[in-house]
Amino acid sequence: MLTFDLWKYYLIFVSASLLAYYALILLRFYKADLKTLFSGKTRSQQFSPAPLNESLAEVATEPAGQLTANGVESFLWKDPAVFEQAVSASDALKTAIGEAFDKNYSKDDLLALLQMILSEYASLGESLHRVPVIEFIQAECAKYGSIHLSTAEITKVWRKLD
């Protein structure tokens, strides 16, 4: 006669089989993730981006390339005062863009806000300094994801300041 112990053995067998199956799946498809998990390092330690101020400092030491007008090698941030102004502008832009997305500003309102902030830093509108600021604005907007600004739209904001 069959007893209830048969169900116990059946459940143990099915549980062990499922455990072995999922262990094989994990090893097969998630081997690299498991290695990083058991190595003690987190993803933030492996792939931590440099803070903005440090990345601007790196840009300040790297040459921006040669100028085509006179063939003289130029540095993007020659003047430390301009560099400090760029860092100050990036902090102001970061705060303003974050606030704009928290308060659900429209695209036009965001552009007006950017125009107000960039008017305080009009000297950054020179061609060499404009590009990093535009890229920073696009990166901040992409971080929040709801409004994307093109280079042409941000350039229009700069043109309104001139």
N, C-alpha and C. Protein backbone atom coordinates (compact mmCIF):
# COMPACT_ATOMS: atom_id res chain seq x y z
N MET A 1 0.82 -1.16 0.00
CA MET A 1 0.00 0.00 0.00
C MET A 1 0.88 1.25 0.00
N LEU A 2 0.43 2.29 -0.72
CA LEU A 2 1.20 3.53 -0.82
C LEU A 2 0.96 4.39 0.42
N THR A 3 2.00 5.03 0.82
CA THR A 3 1.88 5.92 1.99
C THR A 3 2.11 7.36 1.55
N PHE A 4 1.94 8.27 2.48
CA PHE A 4 2.13 9.69 2.19
C PHE A 4 3.60 10.05 2.01
N ASP A 5 4.50 9.18 2.38
CA ASP A 5 5.93 9.44 2.21
C ASP A 5 6.31 9.54 0.74
N LEU A 6 5.53 8.94 -0.13
CA LEU A 6 5.80 9.00 -1.56
C LEU A 6 5.75 10.45 -2.05
N TRP A 7 4.78 11.23 -1.59
CA TRP A 7 4.69 12.64 -1.98
C TRP A 7 5.88 13.44 -1.47
N LYS A 8 6.36 13.10 -0.31
CA LYS A 8 7.52 13.79 0.25
C LYS A 8 8.74 13.58 -0.65
N TYR A 9 8.96 12.36 -1.07
CA TYR A 9 10.11 12.07 -1.94
C TYR A 9 9.94 12.72 -3.31
N TYR A 10 8.71 12.73 -3.79
CA TYR A 10 8.44 13.38 -5.08
C TYR A 10 8.76 14.86 -5.01
N LEU A 11 8.32 15.56 -3.99
CA LEU A 11 8.59 16.99 -3.83
C LEU A 11 10.07 17.28 -3.65
N ILE A 12 10.77 16.43 -2.94
CA ILE A 12 12.22 16.59 -2.78
C ILE A 12 12.91 16.45 -4.14
N PHE A 13 12.51 15.45 -4.92
CA PHE A 13 13.11 15.22 -6.24
C PHE A 13 12.83 16.41 -7.17
N VAL A 14 11.60 16.89 -7.21
CA VAL A 14 11.25 18.02 -8.09
C VAL A 14 11.99 19.28 -7.65
N SER A 15 12.07 19.54 -6.37
CA SER A 15 12.78 20.72 -5.86
C SER A 15 14.27 20.67 -6.21
N ALA A 16 14.89 19.50 -6.02
CA ALA A 16 16.31 19.35 -6.34
C ALA A 16 16.54 19.51 -7.84
N SER A 17 15.64 18.98 -8.65
CA SER A 17 15.78 19.11 -10.11
C SER A 17 15.65 20.56 -10.55
N LEU A 18 14.67 21.27 -10.00
CA LEU A 18 14.51 22.68 -10.35
C LEU A 18 15.71 23.52 -9.88
N LEU A 19 16.22 23.22 -8.71
CA LEU A 19 17.39 23.93 -8.20
C LEU A 19 18.59 23.70 -9.12
N ALA A 20 18.81 22.48 -9.53
CA ALA A 20 19.93 22.17 -10.43
C ALA A 20 19.73 22.85 -11.79
N TYR A 21 18.51 22.86 -12.30
CA TYR A 21 18.22 23.49 -13.59
C TYR A 21 18.51 24.98 -13.54
N TYR A 22 18.01 25.68 -12.52
CA TYR A 22 18.23 27.11 -12.42
C TYR A 22 19.69 27.44 -12.12
N ALA A 23 20.38 26.59 -11.42
CA ALA A 23 21.81 26.80 -11.18
C ALA A 23 22.58 26.72 -12.50
N LEU A 24 22.22 25.76 -13.36
CA LEU A 24 22.86 25.67 -14.67
C LEU A 24 22.56 26.90 -15.53
N ILE A 25 21.33 27.38 -15.48
CA ILE A 25 20.96 28.59 -16.24
C ILE A 25 21.77 29.78 -15.75
N LEU A 26 21.88 29.93 -14.43
CA LEU A 26 22.67 31.05 -13.88
C LEU A 26 24.13 30.96 -14.32
N LEU A 27 24.69 29.77 -14.24
CA LEU A 27 26.09 29.62 -14.63
C LEU A 27 26.29 29.87 -16.13
N ARG A 28 25.35 29.44 -16.91
CA ARG A 28 25.47 29.56 -18.37
C ARG A 28 25.35 31.01 -18.84
N PHE A 29 24.37 31.73 -18.34
CA PHE A 29 24.07 33.05 -18.89
C PHE A 29 24.53 34.22 -18.02
N TYR A 30 24.79 33.99 -16.76
CA TYR A 30 25.13 35.09 -15.86
C TYR A 30 26.48 34.86 -15.18
N LYS A 31 27.40 34.23 -15.88
CA LYS A 31 28.69 33.88 -15.30
C LYS A 31 29.46 35.13 -14.88
N ALA A 32 29.52 36.15 -15.76
CA ALA A 32 30.26 37.36 -15.45
C ALA A 32 29.64 38.12 -14.28
N ASP A 33 28.31 38.18 -14.25
CA ASP A 33 27.64 38.85 -13.14
C ASP A 33 27.87 38.14 -11.82
N LEU A 34 27.89 36.83 -11.86
CA LEU A 34 28.14 36.08 -10.63
C LEU A 34 29.57 36.29 -10.13
N LYS A 35 30.53 36.39 -11.07
CA LYS A 35 31.91 36.64 -10.66
C LYS A 35 32.03 37.98 -9.95
N THR A 36 31.39 39.02 -10.50
CA THR A 36 31.46 40.33 -9.86
C THR A 36 30.71 40.33 -8.53
N LEU A 37 29.64 39.56 -8.44
CA LEU A 37 28.88 39.48 -7.21
C LEU A 37 29.70 38.87 -6.09
N PHE A 38 30.42 37.80 -6.41
CA PHE A 38 31.20 37.10 -5.39
C PHE A 38 32.59 37.70 -5.19
N SER A 39 33.02 38.61 -6.05
CA SER A 39 34.33 39.22 -5.88
C SER A 39 34.31 40.32 -4.81
N GLY A 40 33.13 40.79 -4.45
CA GLY A 40 33.03 41.81 -3.41
C GLY A 40 32.96 43.22 -3.96
N LYS A 41 33.15 43.39 -5.25
CA LYS A 41 33.07 44.71 -5.85
C LYS A 41 31.63 44.96 -6.31
N THR A 42 31.22 46.20 -6.17
CA THR A 42 29.90 46.56 -6.67
C THR A 42 30.04 47.21 -8.03
N ARG A 43 28.94 47.33 -8.74
CA ARG A 43 28.97 47.98 -10.06
C ARG A 43 29.40 49.43 -9.96
N SER A 44 29.02 50.11 -8.89
CA SER A 44 29.39 51.52 -8.75
C SER A 44 30.89 51.68 -8.57
N GLN A 45 31.55 50.68 -7.96
CA GLN A 45 33.00 50.75 -7.82
C GLN A 45 33.69 50.48 -9.16
N GLN A 46 33.11 49.63 -9.98
CA GLN A 46 33.72 49.29 -11.25
C GLN A 46 33.51 50.36 -12.29
N PHE A 47 32.32 50.92 -12.37
CA PHE A 47 31.97 51.85 -13.43
C PHE A 47 31.55 53.20 -12.88
N SER A 48 32.33 53.80 -12.02
CA SER A 48 31.93 55.08 -11.46
C SER A 48 32.43 56.20 -12.37
N PRO A 49 31.50 57.02 -12.90
CA PRO A 49 31.92 58.13 -13.73
C PRO A 49 32.55 59.21 -12.88
N ALA A 50 33.43 59.98 -13.50
CA ALA A 50 34.09 61.07 -12.79
C ALA A 50 33.10 62.19 -12.55
N PRO A 51 33.18 62.84 -11.40
CA PRO A 51 32.31 63.98 -11.17
C PRO A 51 32.58 65.09 -12.18
N LEU A 52 31.63 65.98 -12.35
CA LEU A 52 31.73 67.02 -13.37
C LEU A 52 32.95 67.88 -13.18
N ASN A 53 33.21 68.32 -11.95
CA ASN A 53 34.34 69.22 -11.72
C ASN A 53 35.65 68.54 -12.08
N GLU A 54 35.79 67.25 -11.79
CA GLU A 54 37.00 66.53 -12.15
C GLU A 54 37.10 66.36 -13.66
N SER A 55 35.97 66.09 -14.33
CA SER A 55 36.03 65.90 -15.77
C SER A 55 36.37 67.20 -16.46
N LEU A 56 35.89 68.33 -15.94
CA LEU A 56 36.27 69.62 -16.52
C LEU A 56 37.74 69.91 -16.26
N ALA A 57 38.25 69.47 -15.12
CA ALA A 57 39.67 69.67 -14.84
C ALA A 57 40.52 68.87 -15.82
N GLU A 58 40.07 67.67 -16.18
CA GLU A 58 40.80 66.88 -17.15
C GLU A 58 40.78 67.56 -18.52
N VAL A 59 39.63 68.12 -18.87
CA VAL A 59 39.52 68.82 -20.15
C VAL A 59 40.44 70.03 -20.16
N ALA A 60 40.61 70.65 -19.00
CA ALA A 60 41.43 71.85 -18.93
C ALA A 60 42.89 71.55 -19.23
N THR A 61 43.32 70.33 -18.93
CA THR A 61 44.72 70.01 -19.15
C THR A 61 44.97 69.40 -20.52
N GLU A 62 43.91 68.99 -21.22
CA GLU A 62 44.09 68.38 -22.53
C GLU A 62 43.98 69.43 -23.62
N PRO A 63 44.80 69.33 -24.66
CA PRO A 63 44.68 70.29 -25.75
C PRO A 63 43.39 70.09 -26.52
N ALA A 64 42.81 71.17 -26.97
CA ALA A 64 41.55 71.09 -27.71
C ALA A 64 41.80 70.85 -29.19
N GLY A 65 43.03 70.85 -29.62
CA GLY A 65 43.31 70.65 -31.02
C GLY A 65 43.90 71.92 -31.61
N GLN A 66 44.15 71.89 -32.88
CA GLN A 66 44.76 73.04 -33.53
C GLN A 66 43.70 73.95 -34.11
N LEU A 67 43.98 75.24 -34.02
CA LEU A 67 43.11 76.21 -34.64
C LEU A 67 43.43 76.27 -36.12
N THR A 68 42.42 76.30 -36.95
CA THR A 68 42.67 76.31 -38.38
C THR A 68 43.05 77.70 -38.88
N ALA A 69 42.70 78.75 -38.14
CA ALA A 69 42.96 80.10 -38.62
C ALA A 69 44.45 80.42 -38.64
N ASN A 70 45.15 80.09 -37.56
CA ASN A 70 46.57 80.44 -37.53
C ASN A 70 47.48 79.25 -37.26
N GLY A 71 46.94 78.05 -37.12
CA GLY A 71 47.77 76.86 -36.97
C GLY A 71 48.42 76.74 -35.61
N VAL A 72 48.03 77.52 -34.63
CA VAL A 72 48.62 77.47 -33.31
C VAL A 72 47.80 76.53 -32.44
N GLU A 73 48.48 75.69 -31.68
CA GLU A 73 47.76 74.77 -30.82
C GLU A 73 47.10 75.55 -29.69
N SER A 74 45.84 75.25 -29.42
CA SER A 74 45.06 76.00 -28.44
C SER A 74 44.64 75.08 -27.32
N PHE A 75 44.48 75.63 -26.15
CA PHE A 75 43.92 74.90 -25.03
C PHE A 75 42.54 75.45 -24.76
N LEU A 76 41.62 74.52 -24.45
CA LEU A 76 40.23 74.91 -24.29
C LEU A 76 40.04 75.89 -23.14
N TRP A 77 40.67 75.64 -22.03
CA TRP A 77 40.48 76.49 -20.85
C TRP A 77 41.82 77.15 -20.53
N LYS A 78 42.19 78.16 -21.27
CA LYS A 78 43.46 78.84 -21.03
C LYS A 78 43.44 79.63 -19.73
N ASP A 79 42.34 80.30 -19.49
CA ASP A 79 42.24 81.21 -18.37
C ASP A 79 41.57 80.52 -17.18
N PRO A 80 42.21 80.49 -16.01
CA PRO A 80 41.58 79.85 -14.84
C PRO A 80 40.28 80.52 -14.43
N ALA A 81 40.15 81.82 -14.66
CA ALA A 81 38.91 82.52 -14.32
C ALA A 81 37.76 82.00 -15.18
N VAL A 82 38.04 81.73 -16.45
CA VAL A 82 37.00 81.20 -17.34
C VAL A 82 36.63 79.79 -16.91
N PHE A 83 37.62 79.03 -16.48
CA PHE A 83 37.35 77.68 -16.01
C PHE A 83 36.46 77.71 -14.76
N GLU A 84 36.78 78.60 -13.82
CA GLU A 84 35.95 78.74 -12.62
C GLU A 84 34.53 79.17 -12.98
N GLN A 85 34.42 80.04 -13.97
CA GLN A 85 33.11 80.48 -14.41
C GLN A 85 32.33 79.31 -15.04
N ALA A 86 33.04 78.45 -15.77
CA ALA A 86 32.39 77.29 -16.38
C ALA A 86 31.91 76.31 -15.31
N VAL A 87 32.70 76.13 -14.27
CA VAL A 87 32.29 75.25 -13.18
C VAL A 87 31.08 75.84 -12.46
N SER A 88 31.11 77.15 -12.23
CA SER A 88 29.99 77.81 -11.59
C SER A 88 28.73 77.71 -12.45
N ALA A 89 28.89 77.89 -13.76
CA ALA A 89 27.75 77.77 -14.68
C ALA A 89 27.21 76.35 -14.67
N SER A 90 28.09 75.36 -14.65
CA SER A 90 27.62 73.97 -14.66
C SER A 90 26.85 73.65 -13.39
N ASP A 91 27.30 74.18 -12.26
CA ASP A 91 26.56 73.97 -11.01
C ASP A 91 25.18 74.62 -11.08
N ALA A 92 25.12 75.85 -11.59
CA ALA A 92 23.84 76.56 -11.71
C ALA A 92 22.92 75.84 -12.69
N LEU A 93 23.46 75.38 -13.80
CA LEU A 93 22.66 74.67 -14.80
C LEU A 93 22.13 73.36 -14.24
N LYS A 94 22.99 72.64 -13.52
CA LYS A 94 22.58 71.36 -12.95
C LYS A 94 21.42 71.55 -11.98
N THR A 95 21.54 72.55 -11.12
CA THR A 95 20.48 72.83 -10.15
C THR A 95 19.19 73.24 -10.85
N ALA A 96 19.31 74.13 -11.82
CA ALA A 96 18.12 74.64 -12.52
C ALA A 96 17.43 73.56 -13.33
N ILE A 97 18.20 72.73 -14.02
CA ILE A 97 17.60 71.67 -14.83
C ILE A 97 16.91 70.64 -13.93
N GLY A 98 17.54 70.31 -12.80
CA GLY A 98 16.91 69.40 -11.85
C GLY A 98 15.60 69.96 -11.31
N GLU A 99 15.62 71.26 -10.98
CA GLU A 99 14.39 71.90 -10.49
C GLU A 99 13.31 71.94 -11.57
N ALA A 100 13.72 72.20 -12.81
CA ALA A 100 12.76 72.26 -13.92
C ALA A 100 12.08 70.92 -14.12
N PHE A 101 12.81 69.85 -14.00
CA PHE A 101 12.21 68.53 -14.19
C PHE A 101 11.38 68.12 -12.97
N ASP A 102 11.78 68.56 -11.79
CA ASP A 102 10.97 68.26 -10.60
C ASP A 102 9.62 68.96 -10.67
N LYS A 103 9.60 70.17 -11.23
CA LYS A 103 8.37 70.96 -11.30
C LYS A 103 7.65 70.81 -12.64
N ASN A 104 8.11 69.86 -13.48
CA ASN A 104 7.48 69.55 -14.77
C ASN A 104 7.35 70.77 -15.67
N TYR A 105 8.44 71.49 -15.87
CA TYR A 105 8.44 72.62 -16.78
C TYR A 105 8.23 72.13 -18.21
N SER A 106 7.64 72.96 -19.04
CA SER A 106 7.53 72.64 -20.45
C SER A 106 8.88 72.92 -21.12
N LYS A 107 8.99 72.52 -22.37
CA LYS A 107 10.24 72.72 -23.10
C LYS A 107 10.55 74.21 -23.26
N ASP A 108 9.52 75.01 -23.55
CA ASP A 108 9.72 76.45 -23.70
C ASP A 108 10.15 77.10 -22.38
N ASP A 109 9.54 76.65 -21.27
CA ASP A 109 9.92 77.18 -19.97
C ASP A 109 11.37 76.82 -19.63
N LEU A 110 11.76 75.60 -19.97
CA LEU A 110 13.13 75.17 -19.72
C LEU A 110 14.11 76.00 -20.55
N LEU A 111 13.77 76.26 -21.80
CA LEU A 111 14.65 77.08 -22.64
C LEU A 111 14.75 78.51 -22.10
N ALA A 112 13.63 79.05 -21.60
CA ALA A 112 13.66 80.39 -21.01
C ALA A 112 14.53 80.40 -19.75
N LEU A 113 14.44 79.36 -18.94
CA LEU A 113 15.26 79.25 -17.75
C LEU A 113 16.74 79.17 -18.12
N LEU A 114 17.05 78.38 -19.13
CA LEU A 114 18.44 78.27 -19.58
C LEU A 114 18.95 79.61 -20.09
N GLN A 115 18.09 80.34 -20.77
CA GLN A 115 18.49 81.65 -21.29
C GLN A 115 18.81 82.61 -20.14
N MET A 116 18.01 82.55 -19.07
CA MET A 116 18.28 83.41 -17.92
C MET A 116 19.62 83.05 -17.28
N ILE A 117 19.88 81.78 -17.14
CA ILE A 117 21.13 81.36 -16.49
C ILE A 117 22.33 81.67 -17.37
N LEU A 118 22.21 81.37 -18.66
CA LEU A 118 23.34 81.60 -19.57
C LEU A 118 23.62 83.08 -19.77
N SER A 119 22.63 83.94 -19.52
CA SER A 119 22.88 85.38 -19.64
C SER A 119 23.86 85.85 -18.57
N GLU A 120 23.90 85.16 -17.43
CA GLU A 120 24.87 85.49 -16.38
C GLU A 120 26.28 85.05 -16.76
N TYR A 121 26.38 84.12 -17.70
CA TYR A 121 27.68 83.58 -18.12
C TYR A 121 27.87 83.81 -19.62
N ALA A 122 27.64 85.01 -20.05
CA ALA A 122 27.70 85.32 -21.49
C ALA A 122 29.09 85.13 -22.06
N SER A 123 30.13 85.28 -21.25
CA SER A 123 31.49 85.13 -21.78
C SER A 123 31.79 83.68 -22.19
N LEU A 124 30.99 82.73 -21.69
CA LEU A 124 31.19 81.33 -22.09
C LEU A 124 30.63 81.07 -23.48
N GLY A 125 29.98 82.03 -24.05
CA GLY A 125 29.37 81.86 -25.37
C GLY A 125 30.36 81.88 -26.51
N GLU A 126 31.64 82.07 -26.21
CA GLU A 126 32.64 82.01 -27.26
C GLU A 126 32.66 80.60 -27.83
N SER A 127 33.07 80.47 -29.05
CA SER A 127 32.94 79.19 -29.76
C SER A 127 33.64 78.04 -29.05
N LEU A 128 34.81 78.27 -28.45
CA LEU A 128 35.52 77.17 -27.79
C LEU A 128 34.83 76.73 -26.51
N HIS A 129 34.16 77.63 -25.84
CA HIS A 129 33.54 77.29 -24.57
C HIS A 129 32.08 76.90 -24.70
N ARG A 130 31.49 77.20 -25.81
CA ARG A 130 30.07 76.93 -26.00
C ARG A 130 29.80 75.43 -26.10
N VAL A 131 30.64 74.70 -26.78
CA VAL A 131 30.41 73.27 -27.03
C VAL A 131 30.35 72.45 -25.74
N PRO A 132 31.31 72.60 -24.82
CA PRO A 132 31.19 71.80 -23.58
C PRO A 132 29.95 72.15 -22.76
N VAL A 133 29.55 73.41 -22.77
CA VAL A 133 28.37 73.80 -22.02
C VAL A 133 27.11 73.19 -22.65
N ILE A 134 27.04 73.21 -23.97
CA ILE A 134 25.90 72.60 -24.68
C ILE A 134 25.83 71.10 -24.39
N GLU A 135 26.98 70.44 -24.43
CA GLU A 135 27.01 69.00 -24.15
C GLU A 135 26.60 68.71 -22.72
N PHE A 136 27.00 69.59 -21.80
CA PHE A 136 26.60 69.40 -20.40
C PHE A 136 25.09 69.55 -20.25
N ILE A 137 24.50 70.55 -20.90
CA ILE A 137 23.06 70.75 -20.83
C ILE A 137 22.32 69.53 -21.40
N GLN A 138 22.81 69.02 -22.53
CA GLN A 138 22.17 67.84 -23.13
C GLN A 138 22.29 66.62 -22.22
N ALA A 139 23.44 66.47 -21.57
CA ALA A 139 23.64 65.32 -20.68
C ALA A 139 22.73 65.42 -19.47
N GLU A 140 22.58 66.61 -18.91
CA GLU A 140 21.68 66.78 -17.77
C GLU A 140 20.24 66.52 -18.16
N CYS A 141 19.83 67.00 -19.32
CA CYS A 141 18.45 66.76 -19.77
C CYS A 141 18.22 65.27 -20.05
N ALA A 142 19.22 64.61 -20.59
CA ALA A 142 19.10 63.17 -20.87
C ALA A 142 19.03 62.36 -19.57
N LYS A 143 19.65 62.87 -18.53
CA LYS A 143 19.63 62.17 -17.25
C LYS A 143 18.21 62.08 -16.70
N TYR A 144 17.44 63.14 -16.88
CA TYR A 144 16.07 63.14 -16.41
C TYR A 144 15.12 62.52 -17.42
N GLY A 145 15.42 62.66 -18.70
CA GLY A 145 14.75 61.91 -19.74
C GLY A 145 13.44 62.41 -20.29
N SER A 146 12.79 63.37 -19.68
CA SER A 146 11.47 63.75 -20.21
C SER A 146 11.55 64.80 -21.32
N ILE A 147 12.54 65.68 -21.30
CA ILE A 147 12.70 66.69 -22.35
C ILE A 147 14.10 66.56 -22.92
N HIS A 148 14.18 66.42 -24.23
CA HIS A 148 15.47 66.34 -24.90
C HIS A 148 15.66 67.61 -25.71
N LEU A 149 16.79 68.25 -25.52
CA LEU A 149 17.11 69.48 -26.25
C LEU A 149 18.18 69.18 -27.28
N SER A 150 17.94 69.64 -28.50
CA SER A 150 18.93 69.45 -29.55
C SER A 150 19.98 70.55 -29.46
N THR A 151 21.07 70.33 -30.16
CA THR A 151 22.14 71.33 -30.21
C THR A 151 21.62 72.62 -30.83
N ALA A 152 20.76 72.50 -31.83
CA ALA A 152 20.22 73.69 -32.50
C ALA A 152 19.37 74.51 -31.54
N GLU A 153 18.57 73.86 -30.70
CA GLU A 153 17.73 74.59 -29.76
C GLU A 153 18.56 75.33 -28.72
N ILE A 154 19.61 74.69 -28.23
CA ILE A 154 20.46 75.35 -27.24
C ILE A 154 21.26 76.46 -27.90
N THR A 155 21.67 76.26 -29.14
CA THR A 155 22.39 77.31 -29.87
C THR A 155 21.50 78.53 -30.07
N LYS A 156 20.21 78.31 -30.29
CA LYS A 156 19.28 79.44 -30.41
C LYS A 156 19.25 80.25 -29.12
N VAL A 157 19.33 79.56 -27.98
CA VAL A 157 19.36 80.26 -26.70
C VAL A 157 20.61 81.13 -26.62
N TRP A 158 21.75 80.60 -27.08
CA TRP A 158 22.99 81.38 -27.07
C TRP A 158 22.86 82.57 -28.02
N ARG A 159 22.24 82.39 -29.17
CA ARG A 159 22.11 83.47 -30.14
C ARG A 159 21.23 84.59 -29.61
N LYS A 160 20.23 84.25 -28.83
CA LYS A 160 19.36 85.28 -28.25
C LYS A 160 20.12 86.15 -27.27
N LEU A 161 21.20 85.60 -26.70
CA LEU A 161 22.00 86.39 -25.76
C LEU A 161 22.88 87.41 -26.46
N ASP A 162 23.25 87.12 -27.70
CA ASP A 162 24.16 88.03 -28.42
C ASP A 162 23.52 89.31 -28.82
